[in-house]
Protein backbone atom coordinates (compact mmCIF):
# COMPACT_ATOMS: atom_id res chain seq x y z
CA MET A 1 -17.71 -29.97 7.59
CA LEU A 2 -17.23 -26.70 6.87
CA GLY A 3 -16.50 -23.57 8.98
CA LEU A 4 -19.20 -20.90 9.63
CA MET A 5 -17.36 -17.66 8.59
CA GLN A 6 -18.08 -15.37 5.81
CA ARG A 7 -15.75 -15.02 2.80
CA ARG A 8 -14.74 -12.37 1.40
CA GLU A 9 -12.74 -11.81 -2.19
CA LEU A 10 -9.17 -10.67 -1.50
CA LEU A 11 -9.15 -7.85 -4.02
CA ILE A 12 -6.49 -4.88 -4.18
CA SER A 13 -9.74 -2.26 -4.51
CA SER A 14 -10.49 -3.48 -1.09
CA LEU A 15 -7.09 -1.71 0.62
CA ILE A 16 -8.13 1.40 -1.10
CA ALA A 17 -11.70 1.03 0.12
CA HIS A 18 -10.49 0.34 3.22
CA ALA A 19 -7.68 3.33 3.26
CA ALA A 20 -10.59 5.60 2.64
CA ARG A 21 -13.57 4.68 4.97
CA HIS A 22 -11.19 3.84 8.15
CA HIS A 23 -7.64 6.26 7.00
CA GLY A 24 -9.12 9.21 5.04
CA GLU A 25 -7.43 11.62 6.04
CA ALA A 26 -4.07 10.23 5.96
CA GLU A 27 -1.52 12.37 3.11
CA VAL A 28 -0.47 11.20 -0.36
CA VAL A 29 2.23 13.66 -0.98
CA SER A 30 3.74 13.80 -4.81
CA ARG A 31 6.93 15.96 -5.64
CA ARG A 32 5.42 17.27 -9.28
CA ASP A 33 8.14 16.98 -12.58
CA ASP A 34 8.69 20.43 -11.86
CA GLY A 35 9.26 20.45 -8.13
CA ARG A 36 5.98 21.75 -6.97
CA ILE A 37 4.34 19.37 -4.22
CA ALA A 38 0.47 18.29 -4.41
CA ARG A 39 -1.05 17.04 -1.55
CA THR A 40 -4.43 13.99 -1.15
CA THR A 41 -5.89 11.95 1.27
CA TYR A 42 -6.92 8.55 0.35
CA ALA A 43 -10.32 9.34 0.71
CA GLU A 44 -9.47 11.58 -2.58
CA LEU A 45 -7.69 9.16 -4.24
CA GLU A 46 -9.98 6.54 -3.85
CA THR A 47 -12.71 8.64 -5.45
CA ARG A 48 -10.76 9.83 -8.26
CA ALA A 49 -9.45 6.04 -9.02
CA ARG A 50 -13.21 5.08 -9.11
CA LYS A 51 -13.68 7.93 -11.51
CA LEU A 52 -10.68 6.72 -13.00
CA VAL A 53 -13.02 2.93 -13.57
CA SER A 54 -15.33 4.89 -15.88
CA VAL A 55 -12.87 6.35 -17.74
CA LEU A 56 -11.02 3.17 -18.53
CA ARG A 57 -14.55 1.68 -19.61
CA ASP A 58 -15.15 4.83 -21.48
CA LEU A 59 -12.19 4.05 -23.77
CA GLY A 60 -13.15 0.82 -24.22
CA VAL A 61 -10.38 -1.41 -21.59
CA ALA A 62 -12.44 -4.88 -20.42
CA PHE A 63 -12.30 -6.91 -18.43
CA SER A 64 -8.40 -8.69 -18.27
CA ASP A 65 -7.32 -6.08 -20.85
CA ARG A 66 -3.59 -4.98 -20.07
CA VAL A 67 -3.29 -1.04 -19.40
CA ALA A 68 0.25 0.44 -19.20
CA THR A 69 1.95 2.81 -17.17
CA LEU A 70 4.93 4.58 -17.78
CA ALA A 71 4.99 6.43 -14.87
CA MET A 72 7.49 7.31 -11.71
CA ASN A 73 5.94 7.88 -7.67
CA SER A 74 3.20 9.86 -7.86
CA ASP A 75 -0.35 10.11 -6.46
CA ARG A 76 -1.74 9.81 -9.73
CA HIS A 77 0.69 6.17 -10.89
CA LEU A 78 -1.17 5.01 -7.73
CA GLU A 79 -4.65 6.28 -8.62
CA LEU A 80 -4.20 3.60 -11.66
CA TYR A 81 -2.34 1.08 -9.97
CA TYR A 82 -6.25 0.83 -7.97
CA ALA A 83 -8.48 1.66 -11.23
CA ILE A 84 -7.01 -0.39 -13.47
CA SER A 85 -7.25 -3.83 -11.00
CA GLY A 86 -10.09 -2.91 -9.76
CA MET A 87 -12.22 -3.08 -12.82
CA GLY A 88 -11.01 -6.41 -13.42
CA ALA A 89 -7.69 -5.64 -15.58
CA VAL A 90 -4.31 -5.50 -15.64
CA CYS A 91 -1.73 -3.04 -14.21
CA HIS A 92 1.19 -3.49 -16.29
CA THR A 93 4.49 -1.23 -15.17
CA ILE A 94 6.70 -0.43 -17.62
CA ASN A 95 10.75 0.20 -16.82
CA PRO A 96 11.68 3.69 -18.51
CA ARG A 97 14.92 3.08 -17.96
CA LEU A 98 15.12 -0.24 -20.54
CA SER A 99 15.75 0.09 -23.70
CA GLN A 100 13.49 0.98 -26.53
CA ASP A 101 14.12 -2.38 -27.77
CA ASP A 102 12.73 -3.56 -24.87
CA ILE A 103 9.86 -1.65 -23.65
CA ALA A 104 9.06 -2.13 -27.74
CA TYR A 105 8.51 -5.59 -26.78
CA ILE A 106 7.06 -6.06 -23.63
CA VAL A 107 4.08 -3.59 -25.15
CA ASP A 108 4.03 -6.29 -27.39
CA HIS A 109 4.81 -9.10 -25.86
CA ALA A 110 1.71 -7.70 -22.96
CA GLU A 111 -0.68 -6.49 -25.84
CA ASP A 112 -0.85 -3.16 -23.90
CA GLY A 113 -4.31 -1.49 -25.46
CA PHE A 114 -3.08 1.98 -23.57
CA ILE A 115 -0.61 3.33 -21.97
CA PHE A 116 -0.07 6.22 -19.38
CA THR A 117 2.44 7.66 -18.95
CA ASP A 118 4.34 10.88 -17.41
CA PRO A 119 5.06 13.84 -19.70
CA ALA A 120 8.83 13.20 -19.48
CA PHE A 121 8.57 9.82 -20.89
CA LEU A 122 6.36 10.64 -24.08
CA PRO A 123 9.79 11.04 -25.77
CA ILE A 124 10.30 7.40 -25.14
CA VAL A 125 6.68 6.60 -26.07
CA ALA A 126 6.83 8.67 -29.77
CA ALA A 127 10.17 6.30 -30.07
CA VAL A 128 8.12 2.99 -29.89
CA ALA A 129 4.93 3.69 -30.61
CA PRO A 130 5.23 2.74 -34.55
CA ARG A 131 6.29 -0.65 -33.71
CA VAL A 132 3.38 -1.60 -31.47
CA ALA A 133 0.57 0.89 -33.35
CA HIS A 134 -0.85 -2.93 -33.94
CA VAL A 135 -1.84 -2.95 -30.40
CA LEU A 136 -1.48 0.00 -29.07
CA ARG A 137 -4.55 1.91 -28.87
CA GLY A 138 -4.29 5.14 -26.96
CA VAL A 139 -1.28 7.23 -24.82
CA ILE A 140 -2.65 8.88 -21.68
CA ALA A 141 0.15 12.13 -20.43
CA LEU A 142 -0.69 11.91 -17.02
CA CYS A 143 -1.07 15.91 -16.21
CA GLU A 144 -3.01 19.20 -16.89
CA PRO A 145 -3.14 19.75 -20.44
CA ASP A 146 -1.10 23.20 -20.33
CA GLU A 147 1.66 20.54 -19.21
CA ILE A 148 1.73 17.88 -21.77
CA PRO A 149 4.67 18.42 -24.67
CA ALA A 150 4.80 18.19 -28.41
CA CYS A 151 4.36 14.63 -29.28
CA GLU A 152 3.89 12.87 -32.88
CA LEU A 153 2.07 9.73 -32.66
CA PRO A 154 1.05 7.53 -35.33
CA PRO A 155 -2.37 8.36 -36.53
CA GLU A 156 -4.32 5.38 -35.14
CA ILE A 157 -2.63 6.07 -31.78
CA ALA A 158 -4.38 8.84 -29.67
CA LEU A 159 -3.30 11.22 -27.27
CA TYR A 160 -5.16 11.96 -24.25
CA CYS A 161 -4.85 14.18 -21.26
CA TYR A 162 -5.32 12.89 -17.70
CA GLU A 163 -6.92 15.30 -15.74
CA THR A 164 -8.91 16.27 -18.88
CA LEU A 165 -10.59 12.97 -18.91
CA LEU A 166 -11.41 12.33 -15.30
CA ASP A 167 -13.21 16.01 -15.08
CA GLN A 168 -15.25 14.53 -17.72
CA ALA A 169 -15.95 11.24 -15.91
CA ARG A 170 -19.26 10.74 -15.60
CA ASP A 171 -19.77 9.07 -12.62
CA ALA A 172 -17.74 6.61 -10.09
CA PRO A 173 -19.19 3.08 -9.87
CA ASP A 174 -18.63 1.30 -7.00
CA TRP A 175 -15.56 -1.18 -7.46
CA PRO A 176 -16.60 -4.57 -8.84
CA ILE A 177 -16.70 -7.50 -7.35
CA PHE A 178 -14.70 -10.77 -8.71
CA ALA A 179 -12.42 -13.71 -8.54
CA GLU A 180 -9.70 -13.40 -6.45
CA GLU A 181 -7.06 -15.12 -8.63
CA THR A 182 -8.55 -12.30 -11.47
CA ALA A 183 -4.57 -11.27 -12.45
CA SER A 184 -4.14 -7.96 -11.15
CA ALA A 185 -0.72 -6.48 -12.14
CA LEU A 186 2.53 -7.74 -14.84
CA CYS A 187 5.54 -6.84 -14.65
CA TYR A 188 8.39 -7.75 -16.93
CA THR A 189 12.34 -8.93 -15.71
CA SER A 190 14.74 -6.52 -16.63
CA GLY A 191 15.88 -8.50 -19.13
CA THR A 192 19.62 -8.59 -18.58
CA THR A 193 19.95 -12.46 -19.71
CA GLY A 194 17.59 -12.54 -22.88
CA LYS A 195 13.99 -11.02 -23.35
CA PRO A 196 12.07 -9.57 -20.90
CA LYS A 197 9.84 -12.06 -18.93
CA GLY A 198 6.50 -10.84 -17.34
CA ALA A 199 5.53 -12.00 -13.37
CA LEU A 200 1.83 -12.26 -13.64
CA TYR A 201 0.54 -11.71 -10.12
CA SER A 202 -3.17 -12.14 -9.02
CA HIS A 203 -5.26 -10.07 -6.62
CA ARG A 204 -5.50 -12.74 -3.84
CA SER A 205 -1.41 -13.24 -4.27
CA THR A 206 -1.25 -9.71 -3.83
CA VAL A 207 -3.27 -9.30 -0.88
CA LEU A 208 -1.85 -11.87 0.74
CA TYR A 209 1.54 -10.48 -0.10
CA ALA A 210 0.47 -7.11 1.42
CA MET A 211 -0.69 -8.43 4.90
CA ALA A 212 1.94 -10.47 5.44
CA THR A 213 4.75 -8.09 4.50
CA ASN A 214 3.40 -6.01 7.29
CA ALA A 215 4.49 -7.40 9.59
CA PRO A 216 6.49 -6.27 12.37
CA ASP A 217 9.37 -8.18 11.86
CA VAL A 218 9.10 -6.88 7.81
CA PHE A 219 7.82 -3.44 6.44
CA GLY A 220 5.90 -3.49 10.76
CA LEU A 221 3.74 0.19 9.19
CA ARG A 222 1.34 2.15 11.43
CA ALA A 223 -1.82 4.57 10.54
CA THR A 224 1.33 7.25 12.18
CA ASP A 225 4.12 6.16 9.97
CA ARG A 226 5.05 8.56 6.66
CA VAL A 227 6.55 6.44 3.94
CA LEU A 228 8.75 7.34 1.73
CA PRO A 229 8.91 4.68 -1.97
CA ALA A 230 12.46 5.55 -3.00
CA VAL A 231 12.33 2.51 -4.64
CA PRO A 232 9.94 3.25 -8.40
CA MET A 233 6.31 1.87 -8.49
CA PHE A 234 7.91 0.37 -11.98
CA HIS A 235 10.05 -1.48 -10.03
CA VAL A 236 8.29 -4.90 -8.50
CA ASN A 237 5.39 -2.63 -8.25
CA ALA A 238 7.80 -0.21 -5.38
CA TRP A 239 8.09 -3.83 -3.61
CA GLY A 240 4.25 -3.90 -2.12
CA LEU A 241 4.27 -0.40 -0.55
CA PRO A 242 1.63 1.05 -2.46
CA TYR A 243 -0.47 -1.56 -1.14
CA VAL A 244 0.88 -2.00 2.03
CA ALA A 245 0.90 1.63 3.42
CA PRO A 246 -3.45 2.22 2.51
CA MET A 247 -3.57 -1.23 3.77
CA ALA A 248 -2.02 0.18 7.43
CA GLY A 249 -3.15 3.78 6.94
CA ALA A 250 0.07 4.97 6.71
CA SER A 251 0.73 8.64 4.89
CA LEU A 252 3.19 8.57 1.18
CA LEU A 253 5.65 10.32 0.14
CA MET A 254 6.13 10.30 -3.44
CA PRO A 255 9.35 11.66 -4.66
CA GLY A 256 8.53 11.35 -8.80
CA ARG A 257 11.65 11.51 -10.11
CA HIS A 258 13.40 13.86 -7.64
CA LEU A 259 15.62 10.93 -6.40
CA ASP A 260 19.39 12.74 -6.04
CA PRO A 261 20.06 13.15 -2.98
CA VAL A 262 19.48 16.37 -2.58
CA SER A 263 16.19 15.97 -3.64
CA LEU A 264 15.14 13.09 -1.11
CA LEU A 265 16.92 14.30 1.84
CA ALA A 266 14.87 17.66 1.44
CA LEU A 267 11.24 14.95 1.05
CA LEU A 268 12.55 13.08 3.96
CA ASN A 269 12.86 16.25 5.99
CA ASP A 270 10.52 18.45 4.73
CA GLU A 271 7.38 15.96 4.63
CA ARG A 272 8.83 14.42 8.25
CA ALA A 273 9.00 10.44 6.85
CA THR A 274 9.80 7.10 9.48
CA PHE A 275 10.43 5.04 7.04
CA SER A 276 11.59 4.51 3.37
CA VAL A 277 12.99 1.50 0.89
CA GLY A 278 15.15 1.88 -1.91
CA VAL A 279 18.74 -0.53 -3.41
CA PRO A 280 21.90 0.48 -1.77
CA THR A 281 22.97 3.10 -4.72
CA VAL A 282 20.40 5.19 -3.30
CA TRP A 283 21.73 4.84 0.16
CA LEU A 284 24.90 5.20 -0.74
CA ASN A 285 24.52 8.07 -3.10
CA LEU A 286 22.52 9.94 0.25
CA ILE A 287 25.24 9.20 2.24
CA GLY A 288 27.48 10.61 0.03
CA HIS A 289 25.79 13.26 -0.07
CA MET A 290 25.51 13.62 3.78
CA ARG A 291 29.51 13.63 4.47
CA GLN A 292 29.58 16.55 2.49
CA THR A 293 26.97 18.85 3.63
CA GLU A 294 27.27 17.18 6.78
CA GLU A 295 23.59 17.00 7.12
CA SER A 296 21.07 14.71 9.14
CA PHE A 297 17.79 12.78 9.22
CA GLU A 298 15.49 14.94 10.91
CA THR A 299 12.65 12.40 11.61
CA LEU A 300 13.28 8.61 9.67
CA GLN A 301 13.81 6.50 12.22
CA ARG A 302 14.31 2.92 9.80
CA ILE A 303 14.39 1.66 6.38
CA LEU A 304 14.36 -1.39 4.26
CA ALA A 305 16.80 -2.22 1.74
CA GLY A 306 16.85 -4.51 -1.44
CA GLY A 307 17.45 -5.51 -4.99
CA ALA A 308 21.33 -5.97 -3.74
CA ALA A 309 23.67 -6.68 -0.99
CA PHE A 310 23.65 -3.58 1.86
CA PRO A 311 27.20 -3.45 2.89
CA ARG A 312 28.28 -4.24 6.36
CA ALA A 313 29.82 -0.08 6.69
CA LEU A 314 26.54 0.89 5.24
CA ILE A 315 24.63 -0.55 7.88
CA ALA A 316 26.66 0.80 10.60
CA GLU A 317 27.02 4.55 9.02
CA PHE A 318 22.99 4.62 9.20
CA GLU A 319 23.01 2.85 12.72
CA GLN A 320 25.48 6.14 13.85
CA ARG A 321 22.94 8.35 12.21
CA GLY A 322 20.38 7.41 14.71
CA VAL A 323 18.13 4.64 11.40
CA SER A 324 17.76 1.38 11.60
CA VAL A 325 18.47 -1.08 8.57
CA ARG A 326 16.38 -3.82 7.71
CA HIS A 327 17.65 -6.04 4.66
CA GLY A 328 14.98 -7.55 2.68
CA TRP A 329 15.35 -9.99 -0.22
CA GLY A 330 13.71 -11.08 -3.02
CA MET A 331 12.91 -10.75 -6.48
CA THR A 332 10.29 -9.21 -9.54
CA GLU A 333 9.04 -13.42 -9.60
CA SER A 334 8.14 -13.12 -6.03
CA SER A 335 6.35 -9.79 -5.87
CA PRO A 336 9.52 -9.76 -4.07
CA ILE A 337 10.02 -9.39 -0.70
CA VAL A 338 10.39 -13.71 0.94
CA THR A 339 13.04 -12.79 3.72
CA ALA A 340 13.32 -9.79 5.93
CA ASN A 341 15.82 -8.95 8.68
CA ALA A 342 14.81 -9.16 11.87
CA PRO A 343 15.94 -10.30 15.45
CA LYS A 344 15.19 -13.21 16.56
CA PRO A 345 15.60 -14.47 20.59
CA THR A 346 19.20 -16.03 19.98
CA THR A 347 20.07 -12.91 17.83
CA ALA A 348 19.50 -9.80 19.83
CA ALA A 349 22.14 -10.56 22.62
CA LEU A 350 25.19 -10.73 20.03
CA ASP A 351 27.71 -7.85 20.41
CA ALA A 352 27.68 -5.07 18.15
CA GLU A 353 30.29 -6.41 15.24
CA ALA A 354 28.72 -9.71 15.84
CA LEU A 355 25.25 -8.35 15.23
CA LEU A 356 26.54 -5.86 12.32
CA ASP A 357 27.65 -9.40 10.60
CA GLN A 358 24.23 -10.79 11.53
CA GLN A 359 22.35 -7.71 10.16
CA ALA A 360 24.44 -8.00 7.12
CA LYS A 361 22.48 -11.15 6.08
CA GLN A 362 18.94 -10.95 3.74
CA GLY A 363 16.89 -12.14 6.56
CA ARG A 364 14.60 -14.75 7.58
CA VAL A 365 11.23 -15.50 5.66
CA VAL A 366 8.26 -14.19 6.32
CA TYR A 367 4.86 -16.13 6.83
CA GLY A 368 3.11 -17.34 3.51
CA ALA A 369 7.04 -17.72 1.73
CA ASP A 370 9.61 -20.29 1.85
CA VAL A 371 13.69 -20.34 0.93
CA ARG A 372 15.92 -23.73 0.61
CA ALA A 373 19.53 -24.29 -0.52
CA GLU A 374 19.55 -27.00 -3.10
CA ASN A 375 22.05 -28.89 -4.75
CA GLU A 376 21.66 -31.76 -7.69
CA ALA A 377 20.15 -33.95 -4.56
CA GLY A 378 18.06 -31.76 -2.75
CA GLU A 379 18.12 -29.47 0.03
CA VAL A 380 21.49 -28.77 1.83
CA PRO A 381 22.23 -28.59 5.75
CA ARG A 382 21.36 -25.43 7.15
CA ASP A 383 24.49 -24.74 8.89
CA GLY A 384 25.34 -21.27 7.98
CA VAL A 385 28.19 -22.34 5.54
CA THR A 386 27.33 -25.32 3.26
CA GLN A 387 26.13 -23.51 -0.15
CA GLY A 388 23.04 -24.22 -2.53
CA ASN A 389 21.43 -22.56 -5.27
CA LEU A 390 18.60 -20.49 -3.99
CA ALA A 391 14.67 -21.38 -4.49
CA LEU A 392 11.63 -19.86 -3.48
CA ARG A 393 8.10 -21.39 -3.29
CA GLY A 394 4.96 -19.36 -1.62
CA HIS A 395 1.37 -17.73 -2.10
CA TRP A 396 2.83 -14.88 -4.01
CA VAL A 397 5.42 -16.63 -5.55
CA ALA A 398 5.51 -17.39 -9.72
CA ASN A 399 4.64 -20.69 -10.63
CA GLY A 400 5.90 -19.12 -14.29
CA TYR A 401 6.36 -16.76 -16.69
CA TYR A 402 3.88 -14.85 -18.73
CA LEU A 403 2.66 -16.44 -22.21
CA LEU A 404 5.74 -18.67 -21.61
CA PRO A 405 4.22 -21.99 -20.63
CA GLU A 406 7.22 -23.87 -20.92
CA THR A 407 8.69 -21.74 -18.20
CA GLU A 408 5.44 -23.04 -15.84
CA ILE A 409 6.41 -26.06 -12.84
CA ALA A 410 3.78 -27.38 -10.58
CA PRO A 411 2.25 -25.07 -7.88
CA ASP A 412 4.29 -26.24 -5.24
CA ALA A 413 7.68 -26.39 -6.53
CA TRP A 414 10.96 -25.63 -5.44
CA PHE A 415 10.91 -21.87 -8.06
CA PRO A 416 14.93 -21.47 -9.00
CA THR A 417 16.19 -17.72 -8.09
CA GLY A 418 19.98 -17.81 -9.75
CA ASP A 419 20.60 -16.89 -6.37
CA VAL A 420 23.64 -18.90 -4.68
CA GLY A 421 23.50 -18.98 -0.93
CA VAL A 422 23.72 -20.09 2.46
CA VAL A 423 20.90 -20.75 5.41
CA ASP A 424 21.37 -21.09 8.49
CA ALA A 425 20.44 -23.04 11.54
CA GLU A 426 18.49 -19.83 12.71
CA GLY A 427 16.88 -20.07 9.03
CA TYR A 428 18.62 -16.77 8.32
CA VAL A 429 20.08 -15.94 4.85
CA LEU A 430 22.89 -15.08 2.82
CA LEU A 431 23.98 -14.13 -0.40
CA THR A 432 27.13 -15.20 -1.55
CA ASP A 433 26.52 -14.46 -5.10
CA ARG A 434 24.33 -14.51 -8.31
CA THR A 435 25.39 -18.21 -10.06
CA LYS A 436 27.22 -15.88 -12.62
CA ASP A 437 29.01 -13.88 -10.69
CA LEU A 438 30.72 -16.34 -8.40
CA ILE A 439 34.30 -16.31 -9.14
CA LYS A 440 35.85 -19.71 -8.99
CA SER A 441 39.69 -19.89 -8.59
CA GLY A 442 42.32 -23.20 -8.68
CA GLY A 443 38.77 -24.65 -7.95
CA GLU A 444 37.26 -22.95 -5.27
CA TRP A 445 34.55 -20.48 -5.32
CA ILE A 446 34.72 -16.64 -4.44
CA SER A 447 31.89 -14.78 -3.50
CA SER A 448 32.47 -11.15 -5.07
CA ILE A 449 29.51 -9.78 -2.70
CA ALA A 450 31.84 -10.65 -0.09
CA LEU A 451 34.87 -8.73 -1.33
CA GLU A 452 32.63 -5.71 -2.37
CA ASN A 453 31.36 -5.61 1.11
CA ILE A 454 34.30 -5.44 2.22
CA ALA A 455 35.98 -3.12 0.04
CA VAL A 456 33.44 -0.40 0.86
CA GLY A 457 34.32 -0.31 4.28
CA HIS A 458 37.37 0.87 3.26
CA PRO A 459 37.11 5.04 4.04
CA ASP A 460 38.26 6.09 0.87
CA VAL A 461 35.69 3.78 -1.60
CA ALA A 462 32.40 4.56 -2.21
CA GLU A 463 31.17 1.67 -4.21
CA ALA A 464 32.66 -1.17 -5.61
CA ALA A 465 32.14 -4.29 -8.02
CA ALA A 466 34.16 -7.22 -7.90
CA ILE A 467 34.58 -9.74 -11.70
CA ALA A 468 36.12 -12.46 -12.36
CA GLU A 469 38.74 -12.28 -15.33
CA PRO A 470 40.48 -14.82 -16.59
CA ASP A 471 44.04 -16.64 -15.62
CA GLU A 472 46.18 -18.88 -17.18
CA LYS A 473 47.71 -20.46 -13.70
CA TRP A 474 43.97 -20.41 -11.81
CA GLY A 475 41.57 -19.91 -14.03
CA GLU A 476 39.91 -17.26 -13.12
CA ARG A 477 41.01 -14.97 -10.46
CA PRO A 478 39.16 -11.66 -8.93
CA LEU A 479 39.52 -8.26 -10.01
CA LEU A 480 38.20 -5.22 -8.24
CA VAL A 481 36.80 -1.81 -9.80
CA VAL A 482 36.15 1.02 -7.12
CA VAL A 483 34.90 4.08 -7.27
CA PRO A 484 36.35 7.03 -4.29
CA ARG A 485 34.56 8.80 -1.70
CA THR A 486 34.36 12.29 -3.28
CA GLY A 487 37.59 14.10 -2.02
CA HIS A 488 39.20 11.39 -1.90
CA GLU A 489 41.74 9.59 -3.98
CA PRO A 490 41.99 5.39 -2.93
CA GLN A 491 45.63 3.52 -4.29
CA PRO A 492 45.09 -0.18 -5.05
CA GLU A 493 47.61 -1.65 -2.86
CA ASP A 494 45.90 0.17 -0.09
CA VAL A 495 42.66 -1.07 -1.18
CA ARG A 496 44.15 -5.24 -1.63
CA ALA A 497 45.74 -4.44 1.53
CA PHE A 498 42.78 -3.35 3.22
CA PHE A 499 41.47 -7.22 2.70
CA ASN A 500 44.30 -8.32 5.41
CA GLY A 501 42.74 -10.70 7.64
CA LYS A 502 39.25 -10.35 6.52
CA VAL A 503 39.32 -13.40 3.84
CA PRO A 504 41.53 -16.06 3.33
CA ASN A 505 45.07 -14.70 1.18
CA TRP A 506 43.97 -16.49 -1.71
CA SER A 507 40.51 -14.80 -2.22
CA ILE A 508 42.12 -11.17 -2.40
CA PRO A 509 41.81 -9.63 -5.68
CA ASP A 510 44.86 -9.79 -7.61
CA ARG A 511 44.04 -6.38 -9.10
CA VAL A 512 42.35 -3.19 -7.57
CA ILE A 513 41.24 -0.24 -10.80
CA ILE A 514 40.17 3.08 -9.61
CA ALA A 515 36.80 4.29 -11.61
CA GLU A 516 34.59 7.19 -11.66
CA GLU A 517 32.10 5.40 -11.58
CA LEU A 518 29.95 2.24 -11.84
CA PRO A 519 27.46 0.87 -14.81
CA HIS A 520 23.88 0.85 -13.37
CA GLY A 521 21.19 -1.35 -15.06
CA ALA A 522 17.54 -0.26 -15.20
CA THR A 523 16.81 -1.12 -11.33
CA GLY A 524 19.98 0.35 -9.87
CA LYS A 525 21.87 -2.92 -9.59
CA ILE A 526 25.34 -2.61 -11.15
CA LEU A 527 26.08 -4.30 -14.79
CA LYS A 528 28.12 -6.80 -14.04
CA SER A 529 28.78 -7.58 -17.44
CA GLU A 530 28.87 -4.24 -18.62
CA LEU A 531 32.37 -4.49 -16.45
CA ARG A 532 33.57 -7.56 -17.68
CA ARG A 533 33.05 -6.26 -21.19
CA ILE A 534 34.98 -3.01 -20.11
CA TYR A 535 37.53 -4.88 -18.21
CA THR A 536 38.14 -8.32 -18.93
CA PRO A 537 38.19 -8.27 -22.80
CA ARG A 538 38.07 -11.83 -24.27
CA GLU A 539 39.90 -12.83 -27.66
CA GLY A 540 38.57 -13.86 -30.61
């Protein structure tokens, strides 16, 4: 017997339609490239997104076509999110920090017919356009007509102005209805281990993700919140906030390309932000700036950090500044969030030091997904000690990569993450390392993440990375590279001594190198491969 309930397709367009109807006056605030602040509302944005559907159809975009964006966080990029997927096409966000070779590869692989780009990224498009002219038909600059810089494209690729196209739009059609399993967005991995691979999301997976991750123990957004995504919209869809915020009616504060500490803090304070998300590097840089200037957060209440382990010492500093920190964890292939660190009755009663240790974990599973640590025999004990390879499954977890059928797994199978970690009896995940970054010394495993988290607790250290260097006796030994805090001069032996009593003696790095900066990849993560190339060159 079937239930007598209405059925509505779970479509991304329903999120912005809901926001326009029930939270129409909520703001979307965007900082333009020249620093100007632009303001719109969900009601105005939804109308423009429907007009954009008409523009896309006139350009010849059809159902299931891939349409690329090469843009930072803005109201215009948000319009594209909803118009492209809302008409049944696929919104393919491209990371402008990727190499030109990788960008050309993914445009070709996805067969993007059009690229919508911020004017600042037109030189990137012009550089790759000759290599993708067989698929690319047009480039649309996200600006006013007088803001388009000079740009040479192959003759078969047309250049358009976004605002001109919208002004010429004939109508704003109603959102079409189609199957919720339809593909909606395409995000490629950063390609650090081989060619980038595409995770292809569906309307159903995205809407379920937005509903589940706005639970109080994850984002927990309310209509009264003002949310600043400091993670770019090309990085796993800004972790879903462009969907979650309109669903909740929360205002969005879009920083554009201005993610430097001065601009970021100004936007947070001037626009009365209450919640923000970003990778640890963003928060490290922001705190470093605030230490120098003695500025403070005026309205910020909460942040969520992910993409890499968030150091325990940094959590403590944010708490001292009146901002609570929540860890999140996932990957491009999981939309991304599958765990978030929120308390349970058994953890809420911990003392201050134990609570900080608890907060440094990656968190517990969000309903709708699941995680386990496993070895060749299956799931390892959930005892907080036994390490295993972390694997995922759930409504918003991929079961393969776009146009790579050999990567597909069964719908109910566990997707391998490449991360190593433990799961405790309460279900909290703690990452111990990436599989490729573990250090094996004398038959014992040493976690580079654990060493890095301790190192940044040193009063003279701003950022740290641990890698393995070859050792004739032990096979590998840990090497630590640290960046000083501004105005500080850490000494290698002082940094090594800081580990005493915090890890076993055999885990203490043999060498500490002081560096001006660490190399970061396209998503803000430290490039361990580059550090190994610089500091541990192999002979031959």
